[in-house]
Amino acid sequence: MDMNRAEQLITSKTEDLGRIVNSGDGQKVKAIMTQDADKLKQAVQSGDMGTLKQTFDSLMQTQEGARLIGEIQKMMRK
């Protein structure tokens, strides 16, 4: 997916995305990610895909993370 398409999708799904992020699962995932915020910020800035993948994989191993990603995937298919 190119960046323009991603931006259009996010814009069209802002309400749905907000609901997902503010859900119980979204808040639990946010708390998990906050623990590693500095590491994640540095990884994004440096393009460290290994660290980002490791974080994503760790989140997917939690029930909340798996449900949250599932909700986002469903939203993107609509």
C-alpha atoms as a PDB file:
ATOM      1  CA  MET A   1       0.000   0.000   0.000  1.00  0.00           C
ATOM      2  CA  ASP A   2       1.472   3.359  -0.962  1.00  0.00           C
ATOM      3  CA  MET A   3       1.560   6.287   1.466  1.00  0.00           C
ATOM      4  CA  ASN A   4      -1.212   8.221  -0.307  1.00  0.00           C
ATOM      5  CA  ARG A   5      -3.550   5.247  -0.098  1.00  0.00           C
ATOM      6  CA  ALA A   6      -2.638   4.714   3.563  1.00  0.00           C
ATOM      7  CA  GLU A   7      -3.346   8.374   4.338  1.00  0.00           C
ATOM      8  CA  GLN A   8      -6.709   8.222   2.553  1.00  0.00           C
ATOM      9  CA  LEU A   9      -7.635   5.053   4.439  1.00  0.00           C
ATOM     10  CA  ILE A  10      -6.705   6.548   7.807  1.00  0.00           C
ATOM     11  CA  THR A  11      -8.640   9.728   7.054  1.00  0.00           C
ATOM     12  CA  SER A  12     -11.730   7.771   6.073  1.00  0.00           C
ATOM     13  CA  LYS A  13     -11.469   5.506   9.122  1.00  0.00           C
ATOM     14  CA  THR A  14     -10.617   8.105  11.787  1.00  0.00           C
ATOM     15  CA  GLU A  15     -13.750   7.440  13.859  1.00  0.00           C
ATOM     16  CA  ASP A  16     -13.296   3.667  13.739  1.00  0.00           C
ATOM     17  CA  LEU A  17      -9.610   3.992  14.554  1.00  0.00           C
ATOM     18  CA  GLY A  18     -10.399   6.258  17.513  1.00  0.00           C
ATOM     19  CA  ARG A  19     -12.888   3.710  18.857  1.00  0.00           C
ATOM     20  CA  ILE A  20     -10.313   0.928  18.561  1.00  0.00           C
ATOM     21  CA  VAL A  21      -7.510   2.936  20.162  1.00  0.00           C
ATOM     22  CA  ASN A  22      -9.733   4.044  23.046  1.00  0.00           C
ATOM     23  CA  SER A  23     -11.078   0.548  23.696  1.00  0.00           C
ATOM     24  CA  GLY A  24      -9.957  -1.492  26.687  1.00  0.00           C
ATOM     25  CA  ASP A  25      -7.621  -3.493  24.469  1.00  0.00           C
ATOM     26  CA  GLY A  26      -6.273  -0.305  22.932  1.00  0.00           C
ATOM     27  CA  GLN A  27      -5.483   1.133  26.338  1.00  0.00           C
ATOM     28  CA  LYS A  28      -3.723  -2.072  27.444  1.00  0.00           C
ATOM     29  CA  VAL A  29      -1.628  -2.097  24.271  1.00  0.00           C
ATOM     30  CA  LYS A  30      -0.825   1.574  24.805  1.00  0.00           C
ATOM     31  CA  ALA A  31       0.392   0.786  28.337  1.00  0.00           C
ATOM     32  CA  ILE A  32       2.617  -2.000  26.990  1.00  0.00           C
ATOM     33  CA  MET A  33       4.049   0.264  24.310  1.00  0.00           C
ATOM     34  CA  THR A  34       4.600   3.108  26.781  1.00  0.00           C
ATOM     35  CA  GLN A  35       7.029   0.892  28.678  1.00  0.00           C
ATOM     36  CA  ASP A  36       9.240   0.809  25.572  1.00  0.00           C
ATOM     37  CA  ALA A  37       8.419   4.296  24.260  1.00  0.00           C
ATOM     38  CA  ASP A  38      11.990   5.574  24.068  1.00  0.00           C
ATOM     39  CA  LYS A  39      13.224   2.420  22.341  1.00  0.00           C
ATOM     40  CA  LEU A  40      10.321   2.541  19.859  1.00  0.00           C
ATOM     41  CA  LYS A  41      10.823   6.234  19.117  1.00  0.00           C
ATOM     42  CA  GLN A  42      14.497   5.652  18.402  1.00  0.00           C
ATOM     43  CA  ALA A  43      13.667   2.627  16.226  1.00  0.00           C
ATOM     44  CA  VAL A  44      11.183   4.635  14.157  1.00  0.00           C
ATOM     45  CA  GLN A  45      13.610   7.525  13.745  1.00  0.00           C
ATOM     46  CA  SER A  46      16.474   5.259  12.708  1.00  0.00           C
ATOM     47  CA  GLY A  47      14.378   2.901  10.580  1.00  0.00           C
ATOM     48  CA  ASP A  48      15.233  -0.063  12.813  1.00  0.00           C
ATOM     49  CA  MET A  49      12.715  -2.532  11.410  1.00  0.00           C
ATOM     50  CA  GLY A  50      14.069  -5.370  13.549  1.00  0.00           C
ATOM     51  CA  THR A  51      13.120  -3.613  16.784  1.00  0.00           C
ATOM     52  CA  LEU A  52       9.745  -2.576  15.393  1.00  0.00           C
ATOM     53  CA  LYS A  53       9.023  -6.132  14.243  1.00  0.00           C
ATOM     54  CA  GLN A  54      10.087  -7.528  17.612  1.00  0.00           C
ATOM     55  CA  THR A  55       7.707  -5.120  19.381  1.00  0.00           C
ATOM     56  CA  PHE A  56       4.869  -5.973  16.998  1.00  0.00           C
ATOM     57  CA  ASP A  57       5.501  -9.701  17.467  1.00  0.00           C
ATOM     58  CA  SER A  58       5.476  -9.274  21.257  1.00  0.00           C
ATOM     59  CA  LEU A  59       2.194  -7.391  21.089  1.00  0.00           C
ATOM     60  CA  MET A  60       0.665 -10.075  18.905  1.00  0.00           C
ATOM     61  CA  GLN A  61       1.458 -12.632  21.596  1.00  0.00           C
ATOM     62  CA  THR A  62      -0.850 -10.831  24.032  1.00  0.00           C
ATOM     63  CA  GLN A  63      -4.603 -11.363  23.850  1.00  0.00           C
ATOM     64  CA  GLU A  64      -5.210  -7.617  23.769  1.00  0.00           C
ATOM     65  CA  GLY A  65      -2.691  -7.018  21.012  1.00  0.00           C
ATOM     66  CA  ALA A  66      -4.027  -9.835  18.864  1.00  0.00           C
ATOM     67  CA  ARG A  67      -7.606  -8.578  19.243  1.00  0.00           C
ATOM     68  CA  LEU A  68      -6.568  -4.992  18.523  1.00  0.00           C
ATOM     69  CA  ILE A  69      -4.686  -5.960  15.357  1.00  0.00           C
ATOM     70  CA  GLY A  70      -7.640  -8.112  14.320  1.00  0.00           C
ATOM     71  CA  GLU A  71      -9.973  -5.130  14.703  1.00  0.00           C
ATOM     72  CA  ILE A  72      -7.666  -2.921  12.654  1.00  0.00           C
ATOM     73  CA  GLN A  73      -7.452  -5.579   9.943  1.00  0.00           C
ATOM     74  CA  LYS A  74     -11.258  -5.841   9.810  1.00  0.00           C
ATOM     75  CA  MET A  75     -11.533  -2.054   9.603  1.00  0.00           C
ATOM     76  CA  MET A  76      -9.094  -1.951   6.674  1.00  0.00           C
ATOM     77  CA  ARG A  77     -11.086  -4.557   4.715  1.00  0.00           C
ATOM     78  CA  LYS A  78     -14.289  -2.509   4.819  1.00  0.00           C
END
